[in-house]
């Protein structure tokens, strides 16, 4: 069985959307930390992690489909989605370290 182009598109857009939301929340969290509003900063970090969990869930669905023998034709949109997720995960790691230093 093969995932349709539409199915792949939906998964890719989910990953991009959730990753983008997480990225925005992480960057806003840094601004809040700079303004010494650590409660808001921590809230935004928590929300970002929830967004990343949703993005990871969508990615895992794609991986599981392939692992179960479905043909997954990777196109530019899927690569773009993976890029968004990975750069946001890296941003999260960097911001976590930055906030540890800042505290």
PDB file of N, CA and C in Angstrom:
ATOM      1  N   UNK A   1       0.844  -1.183   0.000  1.00  0.00           N
ATOM      2  CA  UNK A   1       0.000   0.000   0.000  1.00  0.00           C
ATOM      3  C   UNK A   1       0.891   1.249   0.000  1.00  0.00           C
ATOM      4  N   UNK A   2       0.395   2.296  -0.591  1.00  0.00           N
ATOM      5  CA  UNK A   2       1.134   3.550  -0.691  1.00  0.00           C
ATOM      6  C   UNK A   2       0.326   4.679  -0.074  1.00  0.00           C
ATOM      7  N   UNK A   3       0.986   5.490   0.738  1.00  0.00           N
ATOM      8  CA  UNK A   3       0.320   6.691   1.242  1.00  0.00           C
ATOM      9  C   UNK A   3       0.098   7.631   0.070  1.00  0.00           C
ATOM     10  N   UNK A   4      -1.082   8.208   0.000  1.00  0.00           N
ATOM     11  CA  UNK A   4      -1.375   9.131  -1.097  1.00  0.00           C
ATOM     12  C   UNK A   4      -0.614  10.441  -0.897  1.00  0.00           C
ATOM     13  N   UNK A   5      -0.496  11.169  -1.977  1.00  0.00           N
ATOM     14  CA  UNK A   5       0.168  12.477  -1.914  1.00  0.00           C
ATOM     15  C   UNK A   5      -0.565  13.389  -0.933  1.00  0.00           C
ATOM     16  N   UNK A   6      -1.894  13.319  -0.918  1.00  0.00           N
ATOM     17  CA  UNK A   6      -2.679  14.136   0.016  1.00  0.00           C
ATOM     18  C   UNK A   6      -2.409  13.737   1.465  1.00  0.00           C
ATOM     19  N   UNK A   7      -2.327  12.425   1.728  1.00  0.00           N
ATOM     20  CA  UNK A   7      -2.054  11.962   3.093  1.00  0.00           C
ATOM     21  C   UNK A   7      -0.673  12.429   3.561  1.00  0.00           C
ATOM     22  N   UNK A   8       0.305  12.312   2.675  1.00  0.00           N
ATOM     23  CA  UNK A   8       1.642  12.795   3.011  1.00  0.00           C
ATOM     24  C   UNK A   8       1.645  14.303   3.241  1.00  0.00           C
ATOM     25  N   UNK A   9       0.883  15.021   2.429  1.00  0.00           N
ATOM     26  CA  UNK A   9       0.794  16.472   2.576  1.00  0.00           C
ATOM     27  C   UNK A   9       0.210  16.878   3.911  1.00  0.00           C
ATOM     28  N   UNK A  10      -0.837  16.174   4.333  1.00  0.00           N
ATOM     29  CA  UNK A  10      -1.463  16.478   5.622  1.00  0.00           C
ATOM     30  C   UNK A  10      -0.467  16.256   6.759  1.00  0.00           C
ATOM     31  N   UNK A  11       0.236  15.137   6.717  1.00  0.00           N
ATOM     32  CA  UNK A  11       1.220  14.846   7.766  1.00  0.00           C
ATOM     33  C   UNK A  11       2.328  15.898   7.767  1.00  0.00           C
ATOM     34  N   UNK A  12       2.817  16.242   6.585  1.00  0.00           N
ATOM     35  CA  UNK A  12       3.887  17.242   6.487  1.00  0.00           C
ATOM     36  C   UNK A  12       3.429  18.594   7.022  1.00  0.00           C
ATOM     37  N   UNK A  13       2.216  19.007   6.668  1.00  0.00           N
ATOM     38  CA  UNK A  13       1.723  20.295   7.151  1.00  0.00           C
ATOM     39  C   UNK A  13       1.498  20.282   8.659  1.00  0.00           C
ATOM     40  N   UNK A  14       1.092  19.132   9.215  1.00  0.00           N
ATOM     41  CA  UNK A  14       0.968  19.031  10.672  1.00  0.00           C
ATOM     42  C   UNK A  14       2.329  19.262  11.331  1.00  0.00           C
ATOM     43  N   UNK A  15       3.347  18.614  10.790  1.00  0.00           N
ATOM     44  CA  UNK A  15       4.690  18.760  11.355  1.00  0.00           C
ATOM     45  C   UNK A  15       5.155  20.209  11.263  1.00  0.00           C
ATOM     46  N   UNK A  16       4.958  20.832  10.109  1.00  0.00           N
ATOM     47  CA  UNK A  16       5.367  22.231   9.925  1.00  0.00           C
ATOM     48  C   UNK A  16       4.605  23.145  10.885  1.00  0.00           C
ATOM     49  N   UNK A  17       3.299  22.952  10.987  1.00  0.00           N
ATOM     50  CA  UNK A  17       2.479  23.829  11.833  1.00  0.00           C
ATOM     51  C   UNK A  17       2.852  23.696  13.308  1.00  0.00           C
ATOM     52  N   UNK A  18       2.928  22.464  13.794  1.00  0.00           N
ATOM     53  CA  UNK A  18       3.270  22.270  15.204  1.00  0.00           C
ATOM     54  C   UNK A  18       4.687  22.758  15.504  1.00  0.00           C
ATOM     55  N   UNK A  19       5.619  22.488  14.596  1.00  0.00           N
ATOM     56  CA  UNK A  19       6.994  22.950  14.795  1.00  0.00           C
ATOM     57  C   UNK A  19       7.073  24.471  14.782  1.00  0.00           C
ATOM     58  N   UNK A  20       6.339  25.089  13.879  1.00  0.00           N
ATOM     59  CA  UNK A  20       6.319  26.550  13.803  1.00  0.00           C
ATOM     60  C   UNK A  20       5.745  27.182  15.052  1.00  0.00           C
ATOM     61  N   UNK A  21       4.667  26.591  15.569  1.00  0.00           N
ATOM     62  CA  UNK A  21       4.093  27.094  16.822  1.00  0.00           C
ATOM     63  C   UNK A  21       5.104  26.965  17.961  1.00  0.00           C
ATOM     64  N   UNK A  22       5.771  25.828  18.018  1.00  0.00           N
ATOM     65  CA  UNK A  22       6.767  25.615  19.072  1.00  0.00           C
ATOM     66  C   UNK A  22       7.898  26.629  18.961  1.00  0.00           C
ATOM     67  N   UNK A  23       8.367  26.864  17.744  1.00  0.00           N
ATOM     68  CA  UNK A  23       9.457  27.826  17.525  1.00  0.00           C
ATOM     69  C   UNK A  23       9.056  29.213  18.026  1.00  0.00           C
ATOM     70  N   UNK A  24       7.855  29.645  17.671  1.00  0.00           N
ATOM     71  CA  UNK A  24       7.374  30.961  18.105  1.00  0.00           C
ATOM     72  C   UNK A  24       7.306  31.050  19.622  1.00  0.00           C
ATOM     73  N   UNK A  25       6.816  30.000  20.255  1.00  0.00           N
ATOM     74  CA  UNK A  25       6.700  29.995  21.711  1.00  0.00           C
ATOM     75  C   UNK A  25       8.080  30.000  22.380  1.00  0.00           C
ATOM     76  N   UNK A  26       9.020  29.270  21.804  1.00  0.00           N
ATOM     77  CA  UNK A  26      10.372  29.251  22.364  1.00  0.00           C
ATOM     78  C   UNK A  26      11.033  30.620  22.283  1.00  0.00           C
ATOM     79  N   UNK A  27      10.896  31.275  21.154  1.00  0.00           N
ATOM     80  CA  UNK A  27      11.493  32.607  21.000  1.00  0.00           C
ATOM     81  C   UNK A  27      10.818  33.627  21.909  1.00  0.00           C
ATOM     82  N   UNK A  28       9.509  33.506  22.078  1.00  0.00           N
ATOM     83  CA  UNK A  28       8.801  34.398  23.003  1.00  0.00           C
ATOM     84  C   UNK A  28       9.229  34.112  24.445  1.00  0.00           C
ATOM     85  N   UNK A  29       9.497  32.864  24.756  1.00  0.00           N
ATOM     86  CA  UNK A  29       9.951  32.511  26.105  1.00  0.00           C
ATOM     87  C   UNK A  29      11.265  33.212  26.438  1.00  0.00           C
ATOM     88  N   UNK A  30      12.169  33.289  25.481  1.00  0.00           N
ATOM     89  CA  UNK A  30      13.437  33.988  25.707  1.00  0.00           C
ATOM     90  C   UNK A  30      13.183  35.467  25.985  1.00  0.00           C
ATOM     91  N   UNK A  31      12.273  36.071  25.231  1.00  0.00           N
ATOM     92  CA  UNK A  31      11.934  37.485  25.468  1.00  0.00           C
ATOM     93  C   UNK A  31      11.379  37.672  26.876  1.00  0.00           C
ATOM     94  N   UNK A  32      10.521  36.744  27.291  1.00  0.00           N
ATOM     95  CA  UNK A  32       9.949  36.842  28.635  1.00  0.00           C
ATOM     96  C   UNK A  32      11.035  36.695  29.699  1.00  0.00           C
ATOM     97  N   UNK A  33      11.992  35.812  29.464  1.00  0.00           N
ATOM     98  CA  UNK A  33      13.099  35.645  30.412  1.00  0.00           C
ATOM     99  C   UNK A  33      13.936  36.918  30.487  1.00  0.00           C
ATOM    100  N   UNK A  34      14.178  37.541  29.339  1.00  0.00           N
ATOM    101  CA  UNK A  34      14.942  38.798  29.329  1.00  0.00           C
ATOM    102  C   UNK A  34      14.236  39.875  30.138  1.00  0.00           C
ATOM    103  N   UNK A  35      12.894  39.832  30.153  1.00  0.00           N
ATOM    104  CA  UNK A  35      12.099  40.795  30.919  1.00  0.00           C
ATOM    105  C   UNK A  35      11.845  40.320  32.351  1.00  0.00           C
ATOM    106  N   UNK A  36      12.546  39.247  32.733  1.00  0.00           N
ATOM    107  CA  UNK A  36      12.461  38.684  34.082  1.00  0.00           C
ATOM    108  C   UNK A  36      11.069  38.171  34.441  1.00  0.00           C
ATOM    109  N   UNK A  37      10.310  37.778  33.442  1.00  0.00           N
ATOM    110  CA  UNK A  37       8.989  37.192  33.656  1.00  0.00           C
ATOM    111  C   UNK A  37       9.116  35.676  33.499  1.00  0.00           C
ATOM    112  N   UNK A  38       9.701  35.039  34.513  1.00  0.00           N
ATOM    113  CA  UNK A  38      10.025  33.617  34.414  1.00  0.00           C
ATOM    114  C   UNK A  38       8.796  32.720  34.451  1.00  0.00           C
ATOM    115  N   UNK A  39       7.727  33.156  35.120  1.00  0.00           N
ATOM    116  CA  UNK A  39       6.509  32.339  35.113  1.00  0.00           C
ATOM    117  C   UNK A  39       5.969  32.198  33.691  1.00  0.00           C
ATOM    118  N   UNK A  40       5.899  33.320  32.971  1.00  0.00           N
ATOM    119  CA  UNK A  40       5.423  33.293  31.585  1.00  0.00           C
ATOM    120  C   UNK A  40       6.399  32.514  30.706  1.00  0.00           C
ATOM    121  N   UNK A  41       7.682  32.702  30.941  1.00  0.00           N
ATOM    122  CA  UNK A  41       8.708  31.971  30.195  1.00  0.00           C
ATOM    123  C   UNK A  41       8.504  30.465  30.350  1.00  0.00           C
ATOM    124  N   UNK A  42       8.352  30.003  31.576  1.00  0.00           N
ATOM    125  CA  UNK A  42       8.165  28.573  31.831  1.00  0.00           C
ATOM    126  C   UNK A  42       6.875  28.049  31.209  1.00  0.00           C
ATOM    127  N   UNK A  43       5.829  28.862  31.245  1.00  0.00           N
ATOM    128  CA  UNK A  43       4.556  28.479  30.625  1.00  0.00           C
ATOM    129  C   UNK A  43       4.734  28.285  29.114  1.00  0.00           C
ATOM    130  N   UNK A  44       5.438  29.208  28.483  1.00  0.00           N
ATOM    131  CA  UNK A  44       5.671  29.118  27.038  1.00  0.00           C
ATOM    132  C   UNK A  44       6.550  27.920  26.679  1.00  0.00           C
ATOM    133  N   UNK A  45       7.535  27.630  27.506  1.00  0.00           N
ATOM    134  CA  UNK A  45       8.386  26.456  27.274  1.00  0.00           C
ATOM    135  C   UNK A  45       7.538  25.185  27.337  1.00  0.00           C
ATOM    136  N   UNK A  46       6.659  25.121  28.316  1.00  0.00           N
ATOM    137  CA  UNK A  46       5.780  23.952  28.447  1.00  0.00           C
ATOM    138  C   UNK A  46       4.881  23.818  27.217  1.00  0.00           C
ATOM    139  N   UNK A  47       4.297  24.924  26.758  1.00  0.00           N
ATOM    140  CA  UNK A  47       3.441  24.898  25.573  1.00  0.00           C
ATOM    141  C   UNK A  47       4.236  24.480  24.333  1.00  0.00           C
ATOM    142  N   UNK A  48       5.464  24.964  24.225  1.00  0.00           N
ATOM    143  CA  UNK A  48       6.315  24.599  23.086  1.00  0.00           C
ATOM    144  C   UNK A  48       6.592  23.101  23.082  1.00  0.00           C
ATOM    145  N   UNK A  49       6.847  22.548  24.253  1.00  0.00           N
ATOM    146  CA  UNK A  49       7.106  21.108  24.344  1.00  0.00           C
ATOM    147  C   UNK A  49       5.875  20.302  23.943  1.00  0.00           C
ATOM    148  N   UNK A  50       4.696  20.799  24.266  1.00  0.00           N
ATOM    149  CA  UNK A  50       3.462  20.125  23.846  1.00  0.00           C
ATOM    150  C   UNK A  50       3.316  20.162  22.327  1.00  0.00           C
ATOM    151  N   UNK A  51       3.638  21.305  21.727  1.00  0.00           N
ATOM    152  CA  UNK A  51       3.593  21.420  20.262  1.00  0.00           C
ATOM    153  C   UNK A  51       4.587  20.464  19.617  1.00  0.00           C
ATOM    154  N   UNK A  52       5.779  20.387  20.186  1.00  0.00           N
ATOM    155  CA  UNK A  52       6.789  19.483  19.641  1.00  0.00           C
ATOM    156  C   UNK A  52       6.373  18.024  19.794  1.00  0.00           C
ATOM    157  N   UNK A  53       5.682  17.706  20.869  1.00  0.00           N
ATOM    158  CA  UNK A  53       5.177  16.341  21.039  1.00  0.00           C
ATOM    159  C   UNK A  53       4.164  16.011  19.945  1.00  0.00           C
ATOM    160  N   UNK A  54       3.309  16.984  19.603  1.00  0.00           N
ATOM    161  CA  UNK A  54       2.338  16.771  18.523  1.00  0.00           C
ATOM    162  C   UNK A  54       3.036  16.609  17.176  1.00  0.00           C
ATOM    163  N   UNK A  55       4.065  17.409  16.937  1.00  0.00           N
ATOM    164  CA  UNK A  55       4.831  17.287  15.689  1.00  0.00           C
ATOM    165  C   UNK A  55       5.516  15.926  15.628  1.00  0.00           C
ATOM    166  N   UNK A  56       6.067  15.508  16.746  1.00  0.00           N
ATOM    167  CA  UNK A  56       6.747  14.211  16.794  1.00  0.00           C
ATOM    168  C   UNK A  56       5.764  13.069  16.564  1.00  0.00           C
ATOM    169  N   UNK A  57       4.549  13.222  17.088  1.00  0.00           N
ATOM    170  CA  UNK A  57       3.519  12.200  16.886  1.00  0.00           C
ATOM    171  C   UNK A  57       3.193  12.056  15.396  1.00  0.00           C
ATOM    172  N   UNK A  58       3.071  13.180  14.699  1.00  0.00           N
ATOM    173  CA  UNK A  58       2.800  13.142  13.259  1.00  0.00           C
ATOM    174  C   UNK A  58       3.968  12.483  12.521  1.00  0.00           C
ATOM    175  N   UNK A  59       5.184  12.836  12.907  1.00  0.00           N
ATOM    176  CA  UNK A  59       6.372  12.235  12.292  1.00  0.00           C
ATOM    177  C   UNK A  59       6.398  10.724  12.551  1.00  0.00           C
ATOM    178  N   UNK A  60       6.081  10.322  13.764  1.00  0.00           N
ATOM    179  CA  UNK A  60       6.078   8.907  14.125  1.00  0.00           C
ATOM    180  C   UNK A  60       5.047   8.137  13.307  1.00  0.00           C
ATOM    181  N   UNK A  61       3.894   8.742  13.058  1.00  0.00           N
ATOM    182  CA  UNK A  61       2.883   8.089  12.220  1.00  0.00           C
ATOM    183  C   UNK A  61       3.437   7.794  10.833  1.00  0.00           C
ATOM    184  N   UNK A  62       4.184   8.725  10.295  1.00  0.00           N
ATOM    185  CA  UNK A  62       4.797   8.549   8.979  1.00  0.00           C
ATOM    186  C   UNK A  62       5.831   7.424   9.017  1.00  0.00           C
ATOM    187  N   UNK A  63       6.659   7.420  10.035  1.00  0.00           N
ATOM    188  CA  UNK A  63       7.684   6.389  10.176  1.00  0.00           C
ATOM    189  C   UNK A  63       7.043   5.011  10.355  1.00  0.00           C
ATOM    190  N   UNK A  64       6.001   4.944  11.169  1.00  0.00           N
ATOM    191  CA  UNK A  64       5.313   3.670  11.398  1.00  0.00           C
ATOM    192  C   UNK A  64       4.677   3.140  10.119  1.00  0.00           C
ATOM    193  N   UNK A  65       4.122   4.035   9.318  1.00  0.00           N
ATOM    194  CA  UNK A  65       3.529   3.615   8.046  1.00  0.00           C
ATOM    195  C   UNK A  65       4.574   2.933   7.176  1.00  0.00           C
ATOM    196  N   UNK A  66       5.735   3.542   7.091  1.00  0.00           N
ATOM    197  CA  UNK A  66       6.803   2.947   6.282  1.00  0.00           C
ATOM    198  C   UNK A  66       7.283   1.636   6.897  1.00  0.00           C
ATOM    199  N   UNK A  67       7.411   1.599   8.216  1.00  0.00           N
ATOM    200  CA  UNK A  67       7.873   0.389   8.893  1.00  0.00           C
ATOM    201  C   UNK A  67       6.896  -0.771   8.706  1.00  0.00           C
ATOM    202  N   UNK A  68       5.619  -0.456   8.502  1.00  0.00           N
ATOM    203  CA  UNK A  68       4.602  -1.484   8.294  1.00  0.00           C
ATOM    204  C   UNK A  68       4.486  -1.899   6.830  1.00  0.00           C
ATOM    205  N   UNK A  69       5.406  -1.409   6.010  1.00  0.00           N
ATOM    206  CA  UNK A  69       5.446  -1.846   4.625  1.00  0.00           C
ATOM    207  C   UNK A  69       4.783  -0.926   3.626  1.00  0.00           C
ATOM    208  N   UNK A  70       4.223   0.174   4.092  1.00  0.00           N
ATOM    209  CA  UNK A  70       3.617   1.116   3.152  1.00  0.00           C
ATOM    210  C   UNK A  70       4.716   1.872   2.418  1.00  0.00           C
ATOM    211  N   UNK A  71       4.459   2.162   1.164  1.00  0.00           N
ATOM    212  CA  UNK A  71       5.406   2.938   0.381  1.00  0.00           C
ATOM    213  C   UNK A  71       5.211   4.411   0.713  1.00  0.00           C
ATOM    214  N   UNK A  72       6.286   5.045   1.124  1.00  0.00           N
ATOM    215  CA  UNK A  72       6.241   6.463   1.467  1.00  0.00           C
ATOM    216  C   UNK A  72       7.182   7.186   0.517  1.00  0.00           C
ATOM    217  N   UNK A  73       6.619   7.926  -0.410  1.00  0.00           N
ATOM    218  CA  UNK A  73       7.427   8.675  -1.367  1.00  0.00           C
ATOM    219  C   UNK A  73       7.736  10.051  -0.775  1.00  0.00           C
ATOM    220  N   UNK A  74       8.976  10.228  -0.444  1.00  0.00           N
ATOM    221  CA  UNK A  74       9.401  11.462   0.205  1.00  0.00           C
ATOM    222  C   UNK A  74       9.602  12.549  -0.849  1.00  0.00           C
ATOM    223  N   UNK A  75       8.899  13.644  -0.674  1.00  0.00           N
ATOM    224  CA  UNK A  75       9.025  14.786  -1.567  1.00  0.00           C
ATOM    225  C   UNK A  75       9.559  15.991  -0.819  1.00  0.00           C
ATOM    226  N   UNK A  76       9.642  17.096  -1.515  1.00  0.00           N
ATOM    227  CA  UNK A  76      10.193  18.313  -0.930  1.00  0.00           C
ATOM    228  C   UNK A  76       9.401  18.758   0.297  1.00  0.00           C
ATOM    229  N   UNK A  77       8.087  18.622   0.263  1.00  0.00           N
ATOM    230  CA  UNK A  77       7.255  19.053   1.388  1.00  0.00           C
ATOM    231  C   UNK A  77       7.593  18.260   2.654  1.00  0.00           C
ATOM    232  N   UNK A  78       7.800  16.973   2.511  1.00  0.00           N
ATOM    233  CA  UNK A  78       8.150  16.142   3.657  1.00  0.00           C
ATOM    234  C   UNK A  78       9.539  16.499   4.183  1.00  0.00           C
ATOM    235  N   UNK A  79      10.469  16.744   3.281  1.00  0.00           N
ATOM    236  CA  UNK A  79      11.816  17.167   3.684  1.00  0.00           C
ATOM    237  C   UNK A  79      11.740  18.512   4.409  1.00  0.00           C
ATOM    238  N   UNK A  80      10.934  19.412   3.891  1.00  0.00           N
ATOM    239  CA  UNK A  80      10.741  20.728   4.507  1.00  0.00           C
ATOM    240  C   UNK A  80      10.182  20.573   5.927  1.00  0.00           C
ATOM    241  N   UNK A  81       9.217  19.686   6.086  1.00  0.00           N
ATOM    242  CA  UNK A  81       8.623  19.451   7.402  1.00  0.00           C
ATOM    243  C   UNK A  81       9.664  18.907   8.375  1.00  0.00           C
ATOM    244  N   UNK A  82      10.453  17.955   7.914  1.00  0.00           N
ATOM    245  CA  UNK A  82      11.497  17.383   8.762  1.00  0.00           C
ATOM    246  C   UNK A  82      12.514  18.450   9.161  1.00  0.00           C
ATOM    247  N   UNK A  83      12.848  19.314   8.228  1.00  0.00           N
ATOM    248  CA  UNK A  83      13.781  20.408   8.504  1.00  0.00           C
ATOM    249  C   UNK A  83      13.228  21.329   9.591  1.00  0.00           C
ATOM    250  N   UNK A  84      11.949  21.675   9.489  1.00  0.00           N
ATOM    251  CA  UNK A  84      11.321  22.523  10.510  1.00  0.00           C
ATOM    252  C   UNK A  84      11.391  21.864  11.882  1.00  0.00           C
ATOM    253  N   UNK A  85      11.063  20.586  11.929  1.00  0.00           N
ATOM    254  CA  UNK A  85      11.061  19.887  13.209  1.00  0.00           C
ATOM    255  C   UNK A  85      12.464  19.825  13.809  1.00  0.00           C
ATOM    256  N   UNK A  86      13.434  19.448  13.012  1.00  0.00           N
ATOM    257  CA  UNK A  86      14.790  19.295  13.534  1.00  0.00           C
ATOM    258  C   UNK A  86      15.393  20.632  13.980  1.00  0.00           C
ATOM    259  N   UNK A  87      15.157  21.699  13.228  1.00  0.00           N
ATOM    260  CA  UNK A  87      15.711  22.991  13.643  1.00  0.00           C
ATOM    261  C   UNK A  87      15.024  23.501  14.908  1.00  0.00           C
ATOM    262  N   UNK A  88      13.749  23.200  15.061  1.00  0.00           N
ATOM    263  CA  UNK A  88      13.047  23.625  16.274  1.00  0.00           C
ATOM    264  C   UNK A  88      13.510  22.812  17.477  1.00  0.00           C
ATOM    265  N   UNK A  89      13.769  21.521  17.278  1.00  0.00           N
ATOM    266  CA  UNK A  89      14.314  20.715  18.368  1.00  0.00           C
ATOM    267  C   UNK A  89      15.692  21.226  18.787  1.00  0.00           C
ATOM    268  N   UNK A  90      16.497  21.616  17.822  1.00  0.00           N
ATOM    269  CA  UNK A  90      17.806  22.195  18.134  1.00  0.00           C
ATOM    270  C   UNK A  90      17.640  23.520  18.879  1.00  0.00           C
ATOM    271  N   UNK A  91      16.702  24.346  18.421  1.00  0.00           N
ATOM    272  CA  UNK A  91      16.432  25.615  19.095  1.00  0.00           C
ATOM    273  C   UNK A  91      16.019  25.373  20.543  1.00  0.00           C
ATOM    274  N   UNK A  92      15.196  24.363  20.765  1.00  0.00           N
ATOM    275  CA  UNK A  92      14.769  24.035  22.121  1.00  0.00           C
ATOM    276  C   UNK A  92      15.977  23.689  22.995  1.00  0.00           C
ATOM    277  N   UNK A  93      16.874  22.871  22.479  1.00  0.00           N
ATOM    278  CA  UNK A  93      18.070  22.507  23.238  1.00  0.00           C
ATOM    279  C   UNK A  93      18.915  23.737  23.567  1.00  0.00           C
ATOM    280  N   UNK A  94      19.092  24.606  22.592  1.00  0.00           N
ATOM    281  CA  UNK A  94      19.896  25.811  22.798  1.00  0.00           C
ATOM    282  C   UNK A  94      19.236  26.731  23.822  1.00  0.00           C
ATOM    283  N   UNK A  95      17.928  26.921  23.701  1.00  0.00           N
ATOM    284  CA  UNK A  95      17.218  27.806  24.630  1.00  0.00           C
ATOM    285  C   UNK A  95      17.209  27.223  26.035  1.00  0.00           C
ATOM    286  N   UNK A  96      17.051  25.904  26.172  1.00  0.00           N
ATOM    287  CA  UNK A  96      17.118  25.283  27.498  1.00  0.00           C
ATOM    288  C   UNK A  96      18.464  25.581  28.157  1.00  0.00           C
ATOM    289  N   UNK A  97      19.540  25.449  27.397  1.00  0.00           N
ATOM    290  CA  UNK A  97      20.878  25.734  27.921  1.00  0.00           C
ATOM    291  C   UNK A  97      21.026  27.215  28.253  1.00  0.00           C
ATOM    292  N   UNK A  98      20.558  28.063  27.360  1.00  0.00           N
ATOM    293  CA  UNK A  98      20.632  29.510  27.575  1.00  0.00           C
ATOM    294  C   UNK A  98      19.887  29.913  28.846  1.00  0.00           C
ATOM    295  N   UNK A  99      18.707  29.355  29.042  1.00  0.00           N
ATOM    296  CA  UNK A  99      17.922  29.702  30.230  1.00  0.00           C
ATOM    297  C   UNK A  99      18.577  29.177  31.499  1.00  0.00           C
ATOM    298  N   UNK A 100      19.215  28.005  31.419  1.00  0.00           N
ATOM    299  CA  UNK A 100      19.951  27.498  32.582  1.00  0.00           C
ATOM    300  C   UNK A 100      21.074  28.453  32.961  1.00  0.00           C
ATOM    301  N   UNK A 101      21.770  28.960  31.968  1.00  0.00           N
ATOM    302  CA  UNK A 101      22.849  29.921  32.218  1.00  0.00           C
ATOM    303  C   UNK A 101      22.274  31.222  32.773  1.00  0.00           C
ATOM    304  N   UNK A 102      21.162  31.670  32.200  1.00  0.00           N
ATOM    305  CA  UNK A 102      20.545  32.940  32.587  1.00  0.00           C
ATOM    306  C   UNK A 102      20.053  32.912  34.031  1.00  0.00           C
ATOM    307  N   UNK A 103      19.532  31.748  34.452  1.00  0.00           N
ATOM    308  CA  UNK A 103      18.996  31.626  35.810  1.00  0.00           C
ATOM    309  C   UNK A 103      20.139  31.646  36.795  1.00  0.00           C
TER     310      UNK A 103
END
